[in-house]
Amino acid sequence: MSESADVGIIQVRDVDPTTLAVLRERARSLGQSLSGYLRDLMDADAATETNAEVIARIARDREPVELTMDDILAARDEGRR
């Protein structure tokens, strides 16, 4: 975890008791506190791009491909010969 002055505190209310028990057990099995385990989960989630983020990045960073329907059909038919 990077050190930052912008570290925040998150409080989650109304967590299902079964969910809480599972998370506590998973943290314990890894030798972590519940807080540390949840922080690692959030860090991993934040570091993983969503599908929408990947699509937006590709759209932003790539040149568009100009194809007509005729181009697509010709390429398809060429593979059948």
PDB file of N, CA and C in Angstrom:
ATOM      1  N   MET A   1       0.847  -1.180   0.000  1.00  0.00           N
ATOM      2  CA  MET A   1       0.000   0.000   0.000  1.00  0.00           C
ATOM      3  C   MET A   1       0.884   1.233   0.000  1.00  0.00           C
ATOM      4  N   SER A   2       0.558   2.199  -0.826  1.00  0.00           N
ATOM      5  CA  SER A   2       1.350   3.416  -0.862  1.00  0.00           C
ATOM      6  C   SER A   2       0.931   4.334   0.279  1.00  0.00           C
ATOM      7  N   GLU A   3       1.907   5.029   0.827  1.00  0.00           N
ATOM      8  CA  GLU A   3       1.629   5.967   1.909  1.00  0.00           C
ATOM      9  C   GLU A   3       1.082   7.249   1.303  1.00  0.00           C
ATOM     10  N   SER A   4       0.028   7.774   1.881  1.00  0.00           N
ATOM     11  CA  SER A   4      -0.580   8.978   1.344  1.00  0.00           C
ATOM     12  C   SER A   4      -1.287   9.725   2.450  1.00  0.00           C
ATOM     13  N   ALA A   5      -1.303  11.034   2.328  1.00  0.00           N
ATOM     14  CA  ALA A   5      -2.035  11.852   3.286  1.00  0.00           C
ATOM     15  C   ALA A   5      -3.535  11.751   3.035  1.00  0.00           C
ATOM     16  N   ASP A   6      -3.918  11.198   1.896  1.00  0.00           N
ATOM     17  CA  ASP A   6      -5.328  11.111   1.529  1.00  0.00           C
ATOM     18  C   ASP A   6      -5.954   9.771   1.904  1.00  0.00           C
ATOM     19  N   VAL A   7      -5.402   9.096   2.908  1.00  0.00           N
ATOM     20  CA  VAL A   7      -5.951   7.817   3.348  1.00  0.00           C
ATOM     21  C   VAL A   7      -7.322   8.067   3.955  1.00  0.00           C
ATOM     22  N   GLY A   8      -8.279   7.220   3.610  1.00  0.00           N
ATOM     23  CA  GLY A   8      -9.636   7.408   4.102  1.00  0.00           C
ATOM     24  C   GLY A   8     -10.085   6.275   4.993  1.00  0.00           C
ATOM     25  N   ILE A   9     -11.188   6.513   5.640  1.00  0.00           N
ATOM     26  CA  ILE A   9     -11.819   5.506   6.489  1.00  0.00           C
ATOM     27  C   ILE A   9     -13.169   5.186   5.871  1.00  0.00           C
ATOM     28  N   ILE A  10     -13.457   3.906   5.742  1.00  0.00           N
ATOM     29  CA  ILE A  10     -14.738   3.462   5.201  1.00  0.00           C
ATOM     30  C   ILE A  10     -15.446   2.653   6.268  1.00  0.00           C
ATOM     31  N   GLN A  11     -16.705   2.964   6.484  1.00  0.00           N
ATOM     32  CA  GLN A  11     -17.511   2.195   7.429  1.00  0.00           C
ATOM     33  C   GLN A  11     -18.676   1.598   6.652  1.00  0.00           C
ATOM     34  N   VAL A  12     -18.864   0.302   6.795  1.00  0.00           N
ATOM     35  CA  VAL A  12     -19.948  -0.383   6.101  1.00  0.00           C
ATOM     36  C   VAL A  12     -20.941  -0.868   7.144  1.00  0.00           C
ATOM     37  N   ARG A  13     -22.178  -0.498   6.968  1.00  0.00           N
ATOM     38  CA  ARG A  13     -23.222  -0.891   7.924  1.00  0.00           C
ATOM     39  C   ARG A  13     -24.098  -1.987   7.333  1.00  0.00           C
ATOM     40  N   ASP A  14     -24.806  -2.649   8.205  1.00  0.00           N
ATOM     41  CA  ASP A  14     -25.808  -3.650   7.825  1.00  0.00           C
ATOM     42  C   ASP A  14     -25.218  -4.805   7.010  1.00  0.00           C
ATOM     43  N   VAL A  15     -24.016  -5.248   7.383  1.00  0.00           N
ATOM     44  CA  VAL A  15     -23.410  -6.410   6.728  1.00  0.00           C
ATOM     45  C   VAL A  15     -24.074  -7.664   7.278  1.00  0.00           C
ATOM     46  N   ASP A  16     -24.495  -8.530   6.380  1.00  0.00           N
ATOM     47  CA  ASP A  16     -25.135  -9.779   6.781  1.00  0.00           C
ATOM     48  C   ASP A  16     -24.186 -10.553   7.700  1.00  0.00           C
ATOM     49  N   PRO A  17     -24.692 -11.083   8.818  1.00  0.00           N
ATOM     50  CA  PRO A  17     -23.831 -11.816   9.751  1.00  0.00           C
ATOM     51  C   PRO A  17     -23.089 -12.995   9.117  1.00  0.00           C
ATOM     52  N   THR A  18     -23.726 -13.684   8.194  1.00  0.00           N
ATOM     53  CA  THR A  18     -23.068 -14.800   7.523  1.00  0.00           C
ATOM     54  C   THR A  18     -21.917 -14.301   6.656  1.00  0.00           C
ATOM     55  N   THR A  19     -22.151 -13.214   5.947  1.00  0.00           N
ATOM     56  CA  THR A  19     -21.099 -12.607   5.129  1.00  0.00           C
ATOM     57  C   THR A  19     -19.929 -12.187   6.002  1.00  0.00           C
ATOM     58  N   LEU A  20     -20.226 -11.550   7.113  1.00  0.00           N
ATOM     59  CA  LEU A  20     -19.183 -11.097   8.029  1.00  0.00           C
ATOM     60  C   LEU A  20     -18.376 -12.280   8.571  1.00  0.00           C
ATOM     61  N   ALA A  21     -19.061 -13.351   8.912  1.00  0.00           N
ATOM     62  CA  ALA A  21     -18.373 -14.538   9.433  1.00  0.00           C
ATOM     63  C   ALA A  21     -17.443 -15.140   8.382  1.00  0.00           C
ATOM     64  N   VAL A  22     -17.900 -15.200   7.141  1.00  0.00           N
ATOM     65  CA  VAL A  22     -17.071 -15.740   6.055  1.00  0.00           C
ATOM     66  C   VAL A  22     -15.837 -14.867   5.856  1.00  0.00           C
ATOM     67  N   LEU A  23     -16.025 -13.561   5.834  1.00  0.00           N
ATOM     68  CA  LEU A  23     -14.894 -12.649   5.636  1.00  0.00           C
ATOM     69  C   LEU A  23     -13.899 -12.730   6.788  1.00  0.00           C
ATOM     70  N   ARG A  24     -14.403 -12.819   8.006  1.00  0.00           N
ATOM     71  CA  ARG A  24     -13.509 -12.960   9.165  1.00  0.00           C
ATOM     72  C   ARG A  24     -12.698 -14.250   9.078  1.00  0.00           C
ATOM     73  N   GLU A  25     -13.341 -15.333   8.678  1.00  0.00           N
ATOM     74  CA  GLU A  25     -12.648 -16.617   8.561  1.00  0.00           C
ATOM     75  C   GLU A  25     -11.597 -16.574   7.454  1.00  0.00           C
ATOM     76  N   ARG A  26     -11.926 -15.946   6.337  1.00  0.00           N
ATOM     77  CA  ARG A  26     -10.947 -15.834   5.248  1.00  0.00           C
ATOM     78  C   ARG A  26      -9.747 -15.002   5.688  1.00  0.00           C
ATOM     79  N   ALA A  27     -10.002 -13.913   6.387  1.00  0.00           N
ATOM     80  CA  ALA A  27      -8.908 -13.083   6.895  1.00  0.00           C
ATOM     81  C   ALA A  27      -8.053 -13.887   7.866  1.00  0.00           C
ATOM     82  N   ARG A  28      -8.692 -14.595   8.792  1.00  0.00           N
ATOM     83  CA  ARG A  28      -7.973 -15.394   9.781  1.00  0.00           C
ATOM     84  C   ARG A  28      -7.117 -16.451   9.111  1.00  0.00           C
ATOM     85  N   SER A  29      -7.671 -17.106   8.085  1.00  0.00           N
ATOM     86  CA  SER A  29      -6.932 -18.180   7.406  1.00  0.00           C
ATOM     87  C   SER A  29      -5.689 -17.659   6.690  1.00  0.00           C
ATOM     88  N   LEU A  30      -5.668 -16.369   6.382  1.00  0.00           N
ATOM     89  CA  LEU A  30      -4.503 -15.753   5.738  1.00  0.00           C
ATOM     90  C   LEU A  30      -3.601 -15.041   6.738  1.00  0.00           C
ATOM     91  N   GLY A  31      -3.970 -15.123   8.017  1.00  0.00           N
ATOM     92  CA  GLY A  31      -3.184 -14.455   9.046  1.00  0.00           C
ATOM     93  C   GLY A  31      -3.315 -12.946   9.009  1.00  0.00           C
ATOM     94  N   GLN A  32      -4.468 -12.470   8.549  1.00  0.00           N
ATOM     95  CA  GLN A  32      -4.705 -11.034   8.432  1.00  0.00           C
ATOM     96  C   GLN A  32      -5.822 -10.601   9.363  1.00  0.00           C
ATOM     97  N   SER A  33      -5.808  -9.321   9.670  1.00  0.00           N
ATOM     98  CA  SER A  33      -6.958  -8.743  10.358  1.00  0.00           C
ATOM     99  C   SER A  33      -8.080  -8.593   9.334  1.00  0.00           C
ATOM    100  N   LEU A  34      -9.300  -8.460   9.813  1.00  0.00           N
ATOM    101  CA  LEU A  34     -10.421  -8.234   8.900  1.00  0.00           C
ATOM    102  C   LEU A  34     -10.194  -6.951   8.112  1.00  0.00           C
ATOM    103  N   SER A  35      -9.728  -5.916   8.790  1.00  0.00           N
ATOM    104  CA  SER A  35      -9.467  -4.638   8.129  1.00  0.00           C
ATOM    105  C   SER A  35      -8.426  -4.791   7.021  1.00  0.00           C
ATOM    106  N   GLY A  36      -7.340  -5.493   7.312  1.00  0.00           N
ATOM    107  CA  GLY A  36      -6.297  -5.702   6.308  1.00  0.00           C
ATOM    108  C   GLY A  36      -6.784  -6.519   5.133  1.00  0.00           C
ATOM    109  N   TYR A  37      -7.576  -7.550   5.429  1.00  0.00           N
ATOM    110  CA  TYR A  37      -8.122  -8.399   4.375  1.00  0.00           C
ATOM    111  C   TYR A  37      -9.032  -7.589   3.451  1.00  0.00           C
ATOM    112  N   LEU A  38      -9.933  -6.803   4.046  1.00  0.00           N
ATOM    113  CA  LEU A  38     -10.849  -5.990   3.245  1.00  0.00           C
ATOM    114  C   LEU A  38     -10.092  -4.933   2.450  1.00  0.00           C
ATOM    115  N   ARG A  39      -9.051  -4.352   3.041  1.00  0.00           N
ATOM    116  CA  ARG A  39      -8.236  -3.364   2.330  1.00  0.00           C
ATOM    117  C   ARG A  39      -7.583  -4.012   1.109  1.00  0.00           C
ATOM    118  N   ASP A  40      -7.043  -5.227   1.280  1.00  0.00           N
ATOM    119  CA  ASP A  40      -6.438  -5.932   0.148  1.00  0.00           C
ATOM    120  C   ASP A  40      -7.463  -6.221  -0.946  1.00  0.00           C
ATOM    121  N   LEU A  41      -8.682  -6.608  -0.554  1.00  0.00           N
ATOM    122  CA  LEU A  41      -9.742  -6.844  -1.542  1.00  0.00           C
ATOM    123  C   LEU A  41     -10.059  -5.573  -2.317  1.00  0.00           C
ATOM    124  N   MET A  42     -10.167  -4.455  -1.597  1.00  0.00           N
ATOM    125  CA  MET A  42     -10.472  -3.183  -2.265  1.00  0.00           C
ATOM    126  C   MET A  42      -9.329  -2.747  -3.174  1.00  0.00           C
ATOM    127  N   ASP A  43      -8.083  -2.917  -2.712  1.00  0.00           N
ATOM    128  CA  ASP A  43      -6.930  -2.557  -3.540  1.00  0.00           C
ATOM    129  C   ASP A  43      -6.910  -3.382  -4.827  1.00  0.00           C
ATOM    130  N   ALA A  44      -7.166  -4.684  -4.706  1.00  0.00           N
ATOM    131  CA  ALA A  44      -7.179  -5.560  -5.881  1.00  0.00           C
ATOM    132  C   ALA A  44      -8.301  -5.172  -6.834  1.00  0.00           C
ATOM    133  N   ASP A  45      -9.464  -4.856  -6.284  1.00  0.00           N
ATOM    134  CA  ASP A  45     -10.594  -4.463  -7.123  1.00  0.00           C
ATOM    135  C   ASP A  45     -10.296  -3.154  -7.844  1.00  0.00           C
ATOM    136  N   ALA A  46      -9.734  -2.192  -7.126  1.00  0.00           N
ATOM    137  CA  ALA A  46      -9.430  -0.891  -7.723  1.00  0.00           C
ATOM    138  C   ALA A  46      -8.337  -0.997  -8.786  1.00  0.00           C
ATOM    139  N   ALA A  47      -7.459  -1.980  -8.667  1.00  0.00           N
ATOM    140  CA  ALA A  47      -6.361  -2.153  -9.622  1.00  0.00           C
ATOM    141  C   ALA A  47      -6.790  -2.906 -10.878  1.00  0.00           C
ATOM    142  N   THR A  48      -7.985  -3.470 -10.876  1.00  0.00           N
ATOM    143  CA  THR A  48      -8.482  -4.251 -11.997  1.00  0.00           C
ATOM    144  C   THR A  48      -9.461  -3.418 -12.810  1.00  0.00           C
ATOM    145  N   GLU A  49      -9.179  -3.271 -14.104  1.00  0.00           N
ATOM    146  CA  GLU A  49     -10.080  -2.505 -14.960  1.00  0.00           C
ATOM    147  C   GLU A  49     -11.401  -3.253 -15.159  1.00  0.00           C
ATOM    148  N   THR A  50     -12.487  -2.509 -15.156  1.00  0.00           N
ATOM    149  CA  THR A  50     -13.778  -3.090 -15.515  1.00  0.00           C
ATOM    150  C   THR A  50     -13.829  -3.238 -17.034  1.00  0.00           C
ATOM    151  N   ASN A  51     -14.780  -4.007 -17.531  1.00  0.00           N
ATOM    152  CA  ASN A  51     -14.945  -4.138 -18.978  1.00  0.00           C
ATOM    153  C   ASN A  51     -15.185  -2.780 -19.619  1.00  0.00           C
ATOM    154  N   ALA A  52     -16.003  -1.953 -18.982  1.00  0.00           N
ATOM    155  CA  ALA A  52     -16.295  -0.626 -19.526  1.00  0.00           C
ATOM    156  C   ALA A  52     -15.029   0.229 -19.587  1.00  0.00           C
ATOM    157  N   GLU A  53     -14.168   0.123 -18.573  1.00  0.00           N
ATOM    158  CA  GLU A  53     -12.913   0.878 -18.571  1.00  0.00           C
ATOM    159  C   GLU A  53     -11.971   0.393 -19.670  1.00  0.00           C
ATOM    160  N   VAL A  54     -11.919  -0.914 -19.897  1.00  0.00           N
ATOM    161  CA  VAL A  54     -11.077  -1.464 -20.963  1.00  0.00           C
ATOM    162  C   VAL A  54     -11.565  -0.966 -22.319  1.00  0.00           C
ATOM    163  N   ILE A  55     -12.867  -1.029 -22.536  1.00  0.00           N
ATOM    164  CA  ILE A  55     -13.438  -0.584 -23.809  1.00  0.00           C
ATOM    165  C   ILE A  55     -13.173   0.899 -24.022  1.00  0.00           C
ATOM    166  N   ALA A  56     -13.347   1.707 -22.973  1.00  0.00           N
ATOM    167  CA  ALA A  56     -13.091   3.146 -23.085  1.00  0.00           C
ATOM    168  C   ALA A  56     -11.622   3.412 -23.392  1.00  0.00           C
ATOM    169  N   ARG A  57     -10.711   2.683 -22.756  1.00  0.00           N
ATOM    170  CA  ARG A  57      -9.275   2.862 -23.004  1.00  0.00           C
ATOM    171  C   ARG A  57      -8.926   2.490 -24.435  1.00  0.00           C
ATOM    172  N   ILE A  58      -9.469   1.390 -24.915  1.00  0.00           N
ATOM    173  CA  ILE A  58      -9.195   0.965 -26.291  1.00  0.00           C
ATOM    174  C   ILE A  58      -9.739   1.994 -27.276  1.00  0.00           C
ATOM    175  N   ALA A  59     -10.949   2.461 -27.035  1.00  0.00           N
ATOM    176  CA  ALA A  59     -11.549   3.459 -27.920  1.00  0.00           C
ATOM    177  C   ALA A  59     -10.731   4.747 -27.931  1.00  0.00           C
ATOM    178  N   ARG A  60     -10.181   5.103 -26.802  1.00  0.00           N
ATOM    179  CA  ARG A  60      -9.394   6.337 -26.681  1.00  0.00           C
ATOM    180  C   ARG A  60      -8.018   6.188 -27.318  1.00  0.00           C
ATOM    181  N   ASP A  61      -7.396   5.016 -27.168  1.00  0.00           N
ATOM    182  CA  ASP A  61      -5.997   4.836 -27.561  1.00  0.00           C
ATOM    183  C   ASP A  61      -5.789   4.261 -28.959  1.00  0.00           C
ATOM    184  N   ARG A  62      -6.803   3.759 -29.586  1.00  0.00           N
ATOM    185  CA  ARG A  62      -6.640   3.084 -30.877  1.00  0.00           C
ATOM    186  C   ARG A  62      -7.252   3.914 -32.003  1.00  0.00           C
ATOM    187  N   GLU A  63      -6.637   3.756 -33.160  1.00  0.00           N
ATOM    188  CA  GLU A  63      -7.207   4.359 -34.358  1.00  0.00           C
ATOM    189  C   GLU A  63      -8.430   3.536 -34.768  1.00  0.00           C
ATOM    190  N   PRO A  64      -9.493   4.195 -35.199  1.00  0.00           N
ATOM    191  CA  PRO A  64     -10.669   3.431 -35.622  1.00  0.00           C
ATOM    192  C   PRO A  64     -10.375   2.643 -36.902  1.00  0.00           C
ATOM    193  N   VAL A  65     -11.017   1.518 -37.042  1.00  0.00           N
ATOM    194  CA  VAL A  65     -10.882   0.677 -38.229  1.00  0.00           C
ATOM    195  C   VAL A  65     -12.088   0.943 -39.108  1.00  0.00           C
ATOM    196  N   GLU A  66     -11.805   1.313 -40.336  1.00  0.00           N
ATOM    197  CA  GLU A  66     -12.889   1.614 -41.272  1.00  0.00           C
ATOM    198  C   GLU A  66     -13.129   0.394 -42.160  1.00  0.00           C
ATOM    199  N   LEU A  67     -14.196  -0.310 -41.929  1.00  0.00           N
ATOM    200  CA  LEU A  67     -14.564  -1.472 -42.732  1.00  0.00           C
ATOM    201  C   LEU A  67     -16.000  -1.320 -43.202  1.00  0.00           C
ATOM    202  N   THR A  68     -16.229  -1.737 -44.426  1.00  0.00           N
ATOM    203  CA  THR A  68     -17.597  -1.789 -44.925  1.00  0.00           C
ATOM    204  C   THR A  68     -18.101  -3.221 -44.773  1.00  0.00           C
ATOM    205  N   MET A  69     -19.376  -3.391 -44.935  1.00  0.00           N
ATOM    206  CA  MET A  69     -19.946  -4.736 -44.893  1.00  0.00           C
ATOM    207  C   MET A  69     -19.360  -5.587 -46.021  1.00  0.00           C
ATOM    208  N   ASP A  70     -19.115  -4.963 -47.175  1.00  0.00           N
ATOM    209  CA  ASP A  70     -18.505  -5.695 -48.289  1.00  0.00           C
ATOM    210  C   ASP A  70     -17.108  -6.195 -47.926  1.00  0.00           C
ATOM    211  N   ASP A  71     -16.319  -5.380 -47.202  1.00  0.00           N
ATOM    212  CA  ASP A  71     -14.986  -5.804 -46.751  1.00  0.00           C
ATOM    213  C   ASP A  71     -15.086  -7.033 -45.847  1.00  0.00           C
ATOM    214  N   ILE A  72     -16.025  -7.002 -44.936  1.00  0.00           N
ATOM    215  CA  ILE A  72     -16.199  -8.101 -43.982  1.00  0.00           C
ATOM    216  C   ILE A  72     -16.621  -9.377 -44.703  1.00  0.00           C
ATOM    217  N   LEU A  73     -17.588  -9.245 -45.614  1.00  0.00           N
ATOM    218  CA  LEU A  73     -18.064 -10.415 -46.352  1.00  0.00           C
ATOM    219  C   LEU A  73     -16.974 -10.979 -47.261  1.00  0.00           C
ATOM    220  N   ALA A  74     -16.181 -10.106 -47.868  1.00  0.00           N
ATOM    221  CA  ALA A  74     -15.094 -10.564 -48.734  1.00  0.00           C
ATOM    222  C   ALA A  74     -14.047 -11.322 -47.920  1.00  0.00           C
ATOM    223  N   ALA A  75     -13.709 -10.826 -46.748  1.00  0.00           N
ATOM    224  CA  ALA A  75     -12.733 -11.506 -45.888  1.00  0.00           C
ATOM    225  C   ALA A  75     -13.271 -12.859 -45.440  1.00  0.00           C
ATOM    226  N   ARG A  76     -14.553 -12.900 -45.118  1.00  0.00           N
ATOM    227  CA  ARG A  76     -15.166 -14.167 -44.725  1.00  0.00           C
ATOM    228  C   ARG A  76     -15.120 -15.167 -45.873  1.00  0.00           C
ATOM    229  N   ASP A  77     -15.492 -14.705 -47.052  1.00  0.00           N
ATOM    230  CA  ASP A  77     -15.545 -15.598 -48.212  1.00  0.00           C
ATOM    231  C   ASP A  77     -14.155 -16.041 -48.645  1.00  0.00           C
ATOM    232  N   GLU A  78     -13.152 -15.187 -48.477  1.00  0.00           N
ATOM    233  CA  GLU A  78     -11.784 -15.539 -48.849  1.00  0.00           C
ATOM    234  C   GLU A  78     -11.283 -16.720 -48.021  1.00  0.00           C
ATOM    235  N   GLY A  79     -11.679 -16.794 -46.776  1.00  0.00           N
ATOM    236  CA  GLY A  79     -11.273 -17.893 -45.915  1.00  0.00           C
ATOM    237  C   GLY A  79     -11.935 -19.208 -46.268  1.00  0.00           C
ATOM    238  N   ARG A  80     -12.961 -19.163 -47.072  1.00  0.00           N
ATOM    239  CA  ARG A  80     -13.703 -20.378 -47.450  1.00  0.00           C
ATOM    240  C   ARG A  80     -13.190 -20.996 -48.739  1.00  0.00           C
ATOM    241  N   ARG A  81     -12.276 -20.327 -49.398  1.00  0.00           N
ATOM    242  CA  ARG A  81     -11.794 -20.832 -50.692  1.00  0.00           C
ATOM    243  C   ARG A  81     -10.722 -21.853 -50.521  1.00  0.00           C
TER     244      ARG A  81
END
